[in-house]
């Protein structure tokens, strides 16, 4: 073989290597000329000490594995400055190959996150919170806002509780931390659900600030003060478990029904065992896994962000109501295997609905 022919073949081989598509181990085909292994996903969460945040981290890691990008977990301990500095440091390390999925340290910090990523020209999805007036359509690199519909979740769990007590009788409410977005929304959802049940009487509504011990103390008093109490609505699982503990100590577990919300492991087992009527699995695997997927696809060039309808960048993610009927399945997927088996290539799967009340504003922001 002549040197000229060999040189021609080598040149052709190098050209093919430079332009061929890369296929990840999971089967994702990157756009021609793009190597996903050169990209790095920062999974920004509060900490790994909370079950839900750990779920978010695992979901985003599963998505990164699917696409063949590297991934790192950045924790901020709910500190705004620490979170922003971590994002800036990651950008300094990886430049335009950095990608972000962020559960913000606070609602106010979402603006700083969007602006920091936009200034650096790197793609980001922001989870769970969004400051008033902040829209992805205003930022070419803010791919999507993915949130949980606390109103729908709260109303569904409250309605299930009311049905479990026959649609009538006395109930009490354990509210979350005053001023917290989720606590505010779930309380409003509880009140909205009451409109459909005129025979339900709310005898007390108190904040237990997401605390199991505070909830336990409140319920101990309610048991004494309201002997006809039939149900307790709790804005999260931790408080619900405190309520169950108080009821067990008083010999009234099962007699007074309790609902929870969030889907932590202890609550899932409590539903399975009949101690809770219902909880809602908020599903960190879904919101963070698909949040990561939106940002990764944008960075790799698989998703045309500017071509998206602005309203479609404002997403309420799917969650799962957990009752005795499906508790075993949810425990298997979310706790035991820590892999619900989601297809992270299908971005539409995570969408429960769009943030309808802000869709019009999003369209206006794009104009």
Protein backbone atom coordinates (compact mmCIF):
# COMPACT_ATOMS: atom_id res chain seq x y z
CA UNK A 1 0.00 0.00 0.00
CA UNK A 2 1.46 3.36 -1.01
CA UNK A 3 2.09 6.08 1.54
CA UNK A 4 -0.28 8.34 -0.39
CA UNK A 5 -3.15 5.86 -0.14
CA UNK A 6 -2.43 5.17 3.54
CA UNK A 7 -2.38 8.90 4.30
CA UNK A 8 -5.70 9.33 2.53
CA UNK A 9 -7.24 6.48 4.53
CA UNK A 10 -5.91 7.86 7.81
CA UNK A 11 -7.29 11.29 7.00
CA UNK A 12 -10.68 9.80 6.20
CA UNK A 13 -10.65 7.81 9.43
CA UNK A 14 -9.80 10.92 11.45
CA UNK A 15 -12.58 12.86 9.72
CA UNK A 16 -15.07 10.11 10.47
CA UNK A 17 -13.97 10.07 14.12
CA UNK A 18 -14.45 13.80 14.33
CA UNK A 19 -17.93 13.83 12.86
CA UNK A 20 -19.41 10.47 13.92
CA UNK A 21 -22.16 10.41 16.52
CA UNK A 22 -21.33 9.19 20.02
CA UNK A 23 -23.61 6.59 21.56
CA UNK A 24 -23.74 6.28 25.36
CA UNK A 25 -23.69 2.94 27.14
CA UNK A 26 -27.43 3.37 27.77
CA UNK A 27 -28.13 3.97 24.08
CA UNK A 28 -28.38 7.76 23.80
CA UNK A 29 -27.06 9.01 20.46
CA UNK A 30 -25.48 12.43 20.73
CA UNK A 31 -25.62 14.91 17.85
CA UNK A 32 -22.88 14.51 15.28
CA UNK A 33 -19.52 15.73 16.51
CA UNK A 34 -20.59 16.02 20.17
CA UNK A 35 -18.90 13.91 22.85
CA UNK A 36 -21.10 13.83 25.99
CA UNK A 37 -18.19 12.59 28.11
CA UNK A 38 -16.64 16.04 27.81
CA UNK A 39 -19.60 17.59 29.67
CA UNK A 40 -20.07 17.80 33.43
CA UNK A 41 -23.37 18.02 35.28
CA UNK A 42 -23.45 19.77 38.65
CA UNK A 43 -26.30 18.46 40.81
CA UNK A 44 -26.90 21.32 43.23
CA UNK A 45 -28.93 20.40 46.32
CA UNK A 46 -29.18 21.50 49.93
CA UNK A 47 -27.58 18.40 51.48
CA UNK A 48 -27.55 14.60 51.33
CA UNK A 49 -29.04 14.30 54.82
CA UNK A 50 -32.63 14.59 53.61
CA UNK A 51 -34.30 11.63 51.83
CA UNK A 52 -35.92 13.79 49.18
CA UNK A 53 -32.73 15.68 48.31
CA UNK A 54 -30.88 12.36 48.15
CA UNK A 55 -33.56 11.17 45.71
CA UNK A 56 -32.96 14.27 43.60
CA UNK A 57 -29.25 13.54 43.51
CA UNK A 58 -29.82 9.92 42.50
CA UNK A 59 -32.35 10.85 39.81
CA UNK A 60 -29.97 13.38 38.25
CA UNK A 61 -27.13 10.84 38.41
CA UNK A 62 -29.30 8.28 36.59
CA UNK A 63 -30.01 10.86 33.89
CA UNK A 64 -26.32 11.73 33.57
CA UNK A 65 -25.49 8.04 33.17
CA UNK A 66 -28.09 7.71 30.43
CA UNK A 67 -26.62 10.59 28.43
CA UNK A 68 -23.01 9.66 29.14
CA UNK A 69 -22.04 12.90 30.90
CA UNK A 70 -20.00 13.17 34.08
CA UNK A 71 -21.80 14.23 37.26
CA UNK A 72 -20.91 15.79 40.59
CA UNK A 73 -23.06 16.58 43.65
CA UNK A 74 -22.69 20.08 45.09
CA UNK A 75 -24.29 20.74 48.49
CA UNK A 76 -24.87 24.17 50.00
CA UNK A 77 -26.46 23.55 53.42
CA UNK A 78 -29.29 25.90 52.39
CA UNK A 79 -26.84 28.80 52.16
CA UNK A 80 -27.46 31.17 49.21
CA UNK A 81 -23.88 32.43 49.00
CA UNK A 82 -22.40 28.94 49.24
CA UNK A 83 -24.64 27.71 46.45
CA UNK A 84 -23.77 30.57 44.08
CA UNK A 85 -20.07 30.25 44.84
CA UNK A 86 -20.23 26.53 44.14
CA UNK A 87 -21.84 27.22 40.76
CA UNK A 88 -19.20 29.84 39.90
CA UNK A 89 -16.38 27.48 40.91
CA UNK A 90 -17.83 24.71 38.76
CA UNK A 91 -18.04 27.06 35.78
CA UNK A 92 -14.44 28.13 36.37
CA UNK A 93 -13.41 24.47 36.29
CA UNK A 94 -15.39 23.25 33.28
CA UNK A 95 -16.29 26.39 31.31
CA UNK A 96 -18.95 25.95 28.64
CA UNK A 97 -18.97 22.20 29.29
CA UNK A 98 -20.64 22.77 32.67
CA UNK A 99 -24.35 21.95 33.03
CA UNK A 100 -26.55 22.58 36.07
CA UNK A 101 -29.65 21.17 37.68
CA UNK A 102 -30.36 23.18 40.83
CA UNK A 103 -32.69 22.80 43.78
CA UNK A 104 -32.23 26.36 45.00
CA UNK A 105 -31.23 27.23 48.54
CA UNK A 106 -34.10 29.74 48.57
CA UNK A 107 -36.71 31.18 46.24
CA UNK A 108 -34.85 34.49 46.17
CA UNK A 109 -31.68 32.75 45.00
CA UNK A 110 -33.31 31.52 41.79
CA UNK A 111 -32.67 34.90 40.17
CA UNK A 112 -28.97 34.75 41.06
CA UNK A 113 -28.74 31.21 39.72
CA UNK A 114 -30.35 32.10 36.40
CA UNK A 115 -28.20 35.22 35.96
CA UNK A 116 -24.95 33.47 36.91
CA UNK A 117 -25.53 30.68 34.40
CA UNK A 118 -26.68 33.11 31.71
CA UNK A 119 -23.60 35.30 32.13
CA UNK A 120 -21.42 32.21 31.70
CA UNK A 121 -23.43 30.82 28.77
CA UNK A 122 -24.14 27.47 30.48
CA UNK A 123 -27.46 25.66 30.64
CA UNK A 124 -29.46 25.24 33.84
CA UNK A 125 -32.76 23.78 35.02
CA UNK A 126 -34.13 25.09 38.31
CA UNK A 127 -36.29 22.91 40.53
CA UNK A 128 -39.02 23.43 43.11
CA UNK A 129 -38.86 27.23 43.44
CA UNK A 130 -39.04 30.25 41.14
CA UNK A 131 -39.01 33.89 42.17
CA UNK A 132 -41.98 36.03 41.21
CA UNK A 133 -41.39 37.51 37.77
CA UNK A 134 -38.60 35.06 36.87
CA UNK A 135 -39.26 33.26 33.58
CA UNK A 136 -37.03 30.92 31.58
CA UNK A 137 -38.10 32.76 28.42
CA UNK A 138 -36.06 35.76 29.62
CA UNK A 139 -32.87 33.68 29.71
CA UNK A 140 -31.72 31.63 26.70
CA UNK A 141 -29.76 29.29 29.00
CA UNK A 142 -32.44 28.88 31.71
CA UNK A 143 -33.95 25.83 30.06
CA UNK A 144 -36.89 25.04 32.33
CA UNK A 145 -38.52 25.56 35.71
CA UNK A 146 -39.74 22.25 37.12
CA UNK A 147 -41.95 22.48 40.21
CA UNK A 148 -44.37 20.46 42.28
CA UNK A 149 -48.03 21.47 42.26
CA UNK A 150 -48.50 21.79 46.02
CA UNK A 151 -52.09 22.90 45.57
CA UNK A 152 -53.05 19.78 43.64
CA UNK A 153 -51.05 17.51 45.96
CA UNK A 154 -52.51 19.04 49.12
CA UNK A 155 -56.05 18.91 47.82
CA UNK A 156 -55.69 15.26 46.77
CA UNK A 157 -54.33 14.12 50.15
CA UNK A 158 -56.93 16.15 52.06
CA UNK A 159 -59.76 14.74 49.94
CA UNK A 160 -58.49 11.20 50.52
CA UNK A 161 -58.49 11.84 54.27
CA UNK A 162 -62.02 13.24 54.18
CA UNK A 163 -63.23 10.22 52.21
CA UNK A 164 -61.56 7.88 54.71
CA UNK A 165 -63.66 9.36 57.55
CA UNK A 166 -66.88 9.18 55.57
CA UNK A 167 -66.95 12.79 54.41
CA UNK A 168 -68.06 14.19 57.75
CA UNK A 169 -66.86 14.84 61.27
CA UNK A 170 -64.11 16.72 63.08
CA UNK A 171 -60.61 17.15 61.67
CA UNK A 172 -57.51 19.11 62.67
CA UNK A 173 -54.66 20.45 60.56
CA UNK A 174 -50.89 20.30 61.12
CA UNK A 175 -49.36 23.14 59.14
CA UNK A 176 -45.74 23.44 58.05
CA UNK A 177 -43.28 26.22 58.77
CA UNK A 178 -44.96 29.61 58.55
CA UNK A 179 -43.71 31.59 55.54
CA UNK A 180 -42.55 28.50 53.66
CA UNK A 181 -43.97 28.27 50.11
CA UNK A 182 -45.00 24.63 50.40
CA UNK A 183 -46.59 25.16 53.81
CA UNK A 184 -48.59 28.10 52.51
CA UNK A 185 -49.75 26.25 49.42
CA UNK A 186 -50.67 23.04 51.22
CA UNK A 187 -52.71 24.97 53.78
CA UNK A 188 -54.54 26.73 50.95
CA UNK A 189 -55.11 23.34 49.31
CA UNK A 190 -56.58 21.96 52.54
CA UNK A 191 -59.00 24.87 52.67
CA UNK A 192 -59.87 24.37 49.01
CA UNK A 193 -60.65 20.70 49.58
CA UNK A 194 -62.95 21.62 52.47
CA UNK A 195 -65.26 23.40 50.01
CA UNK A 196 -66.29 20.00 48.65
CA UNK A 197 -67.02 18.60 52.12
CA UNK A 198 -69.50 20.86 53.96
CA UNK A 199 -69.96 18.31 56.73
CA UNK A 200 -66.29 18.42 57.76
CA UNK A 201 -65.61 20.60 60.82
CA UNK A 202 -62.07 21.92 61.41
CA UNK A 203 -61.61 22.08 65.17
CA UNK A 204 -58.03 23.36 65.15
CA UNK A 205 -55.22 24.31 62.78
CA UNK A 206 -51.72 24.80 64.16
CA UNK A 207 -48.20 24.97 62.80
CA UNK A 208 -45.79 22.23 63.87
CA UNK A 209 -43.02 23.71 61.68
CA UNK A 210 -42.35 20.38 59.91
CA UNK A 211 -41.30 18.90 63.31
CA UNK A 212 -42.25 15.38 64.42
CA UNK A 213 -41.96 16.21 68.11
CA UNK A 214 -43.99 19.42 67.79
CA UNK A 215 -46.71 17.56 65.91
CA UNK A 216 -46.76 14.82 68.52
CA UNK A 217 -47.28 17.38 71.30
CA UNK A 218 -50.12 19.09 69.44
CA UNK A 219 -51.91 15.83 68.74
CA UNK A 220 -51.58 14.72 72.36
CA UNK A 221 -53.54 17.86 73.30
CA UNK A 222 -56.08 17.38 70.51
CA UNK A 223 -56.85 13.85 71.69
CA UNK A 224 -57.83 15.28 75.09
CA UNK A 225 -59.59 18.43 73.89
CA UNK A 226 -61.51 16.92 70.96
CA UNK A 227 -62.74 13.43 71.88
CA UNK A 228 -64.77 13.23 68.66
CA UNK A 229 -61.79 13.98 66.40
CA UNK A 230 -61.85 11.73 63.33
CA UNK A 231 -58.98 12.92 61.14
CA UNK A 232 -55.68 14.82 61.02
CA UNK A 233 -54.35 16.48 57.87
CA UNK A 234 -50.58 16.90 57.94
CA UNK A 235 -48.67 19.07 55.47
CA UNK A 236 -45.72 16.67 55.51
CA UNK A 237 -44.83 13.11 56.47
CA UNK A 238 -42.60 13.97 59.41
CA UNK A 239 -45.45 15.70 61.24
CA UNK A 240 -47.83 12.91 60.23
CA UNK A 241 -45.52 10.36 61.85
CA UNK A 242 -45.53 12.46 65.03
CA UNK A 243 -49.32 12.36 64.95
CA UNK A 244 -49.30 8.57 64.54
CA UNK A 245 -46.91 8.22 67.48
CA UNK A 246 -49.24 10.24 69.70
CA UNK A 247 -52.24 8.22 68.56
CA UNK A 248 -50.48 4.93 69.25
CA UNK A 249 -49.57 6.07 72.75
CA UNK A 250 -53.23 6.95 73.36
CA UNK A 251 -54.57 3.73 71.84
CA UNK A 252 -56.33 5.64 69.06
CA UNK A 253 -54.19 4.71 66.04
CA UNK A 254 -56.50 3.74 63.20
CA UNK A 255 -59.49 5.21 64.99
CA UNK A 256 -58.32 8.72 64.07
CA UNK A 257 -57.15 8.80 60.46
CA UNK A 258 -53.99 10.66 59.37
CA UNK A 259 -52.73 11.84 55.98
CA UNK A 260 -49.17 12.85 55.11
CA UNK A 261 -47.22 14.25 52.22
CA UNK A 262 -43.71 13.85 50.69
CA UNK A 263 -43.25 10.09 50.49
CA UNK A 264 -40.36 9.51 52.88
CA UNK A 265 -39.49 5.88 53.61
CA UNK A 266 -41.04 5.77 57.09
CA UNK A 267 -44.29 7.22 55.75
CA UNK A 268 -44.43 4.77 52.86
CA UNK A 269 -44.10 1.94 55.36
CA UNK A 270 -46.74 3.59 57.56
CA UNK A 271 -49.16 3.61 54.61
CA UNK A 272 -48.34 -0.03 53.92
CA UNK A 273 -48.98 -0.89 57.58
CA UNK A 274 -52.24 1.07 57.72
CA UNK A 275 -50.98 3.82 60.05
CA UNK A 276 -51.44 6.52 57.39
CA UNK A 277 -54.36 6.78 54.98
CA UNK A 278 -52.27 8.34 52.23
CA UNK A 279 -49.10 10.22 51.40
CA UNK A 280 -47.75 11.71 48.21
CA UNK A 281 -44.41 10.59 46.80
CA UNK A 282 -42.96 13.87 45.56
CA UNK A 283 -40.49 11.84 43.49
CA UNK A 284 -37.07 13.45 43.43
CA UNK A 285 -36.08 10.91 40.76
CA UNK A 286 -38.57 12.51 38.40
CA UNK A 287 -38.13 16.23 39.02
CA UNK A 288 -34.32 16.16 39.20
CA UNK A 289 -33.78 13.41 36.63
CA UNK A 290 -35.85 15.18 34.03
CA UNK A 291 -34.62 18.61 35.12
CA UNK A 292 -31.12 17.33 34.42
CA UNK A 293 -32.30 15.87 31.12
CA UNK A 294 -33.67 19.19 29.89
CA UNK A 295 -30.39 20.94 30.67
CA UNK A 296 -28.22 18.14 29.27
CA UNK A 297 -30.14 17.92 26.01
CA UNK A 298 -29.87 21.69 25.61
CA UNK A 299 -26.11 21.64 26.24
CA UNK A 300 -25.53 18.75 23.83
CA UNK A 301 -27.62 20.39 21.11
CA UNK A 302 -30.43 17.82 21.15
CA UNK A 303 -32.99 20.34 22.42
CA UNK A 304 -33.70 23.66 20.70
CA UNK A 305 -34.47 25.82 23.73
CA UNK A 306 -35.25 28.98 21.79
CA UNK A 307 -37.69 27.04 19.63
CA UNK A 308 -39.72 25.90 22.64
CA UNK A 309 -43.05 27.46 23.51
CA UNK A 310 -42.28 29.66 26.56
CA UNK A 311 -45.16 28.10 28.50
CA UNK A 312 -43.65 24.63 27.96
CA UNK A 313 -40.60 25.71 29.94
CA UNK A 314 -42.79 26.10 33.05
CA UNK A 315 -43.55 22.57 34.23
CA UNK A 316 -45.44 20.98 37.09
CA UNK A 317 -43.92 17.51 37.47
CA UNK A 318 -45.73 14.25 38.02
CA UNK A 319 -45.91 12.86 41.53
CA UNK A 320 -47.52 9.70 42.90
CA UNK A 321 -50.28 9.38 45.48
CA UNK A 322 -49.46 6.41 47.70
CA UNK A 323 -52.14 4.27 49.31
CA UNK A 324 -52.19 0.71 50.62
CA UNK A 325 -52.90 -0.42 47.06
CA UNK A 326 -49.58 0.74 45.57
CA UNK A 327 -47.30 1.16 48.59
CA UNK A 328 -45.34 -2.05 47.93
CA UNK A 329 -44.58 -1.01 44.34
CA UNK A 330 -43.45 2.49 45.35
CA UNK A 331 -41.26 1.12 48.15
CA UNK A 332 -39.64 -1.29 45.69
CA UNK A 333 -38.86 1.40 43.11
CA UNK A 334 -38.08 4.40 45.29
CA UNK A 335 -36.45 2.79 48.32
CA UNK A 336 -35.17 -0.70 47.59
CA UNK A 337 -33.82 -0.36 44.03
CA UNK A 338 -33.59 3.46 44.03
CA UNK A 339 -34.43 3.39 40.34
CA UNK A 340 -38.01 3.89 39.09
CA UNK A 341 -36.88 2.89 35.59
CA UNK A 342 -37.65 6.21 33.89
CA UNK A 343 -36.84 6.86 30.24
CA UNK A 344 -34.95 10.12 30.59
CA UNK A 345 -34.87 10.61 26.82
CA UNK A 346 -38.62 11.29 26.80
CA UNK A 347 -38.82 14.79 28.22
CA UNK A 348 -42.62 14.82 28.05
CA UNK A 349 -42.94 11.97 30.56
CA UNK A 350 -42.34 14.17 33.60
CA UNK A 351 -45.01 16.71 32.71
CA UNK A 352 -48.17 16.60 34.79
CA UNK A 353 -49.25 19.97 33.41
CA UNK A 354 -47.81 23.38 32.75
CA UNK A 355 -47.80 26.14 35.33
CA UNK A 356 -51.05 27.44 33.89
CA UNK A 357 -51.35 30.54 36.02
CA UNK A 358 -48.00 31.77 34.71
CA UNK A 359 -48.22 30.60 31.11
CA UNK A 360 -49.62 33.91 29.87
CA UNK A 361 -46.91 35.84 31.70
CA UNK A 362 -44.29 33.56 30.15
CA UNK A 363 -45.61 34.33 26.68
CA UNK A 364 -45.49 38.04 27.44
CA UNK A 365 -41.92 37.74 28.68
CA UNK A 366 -40.90 36.16 25.40
CA UNK A 367 -42.33 39.01 23.33
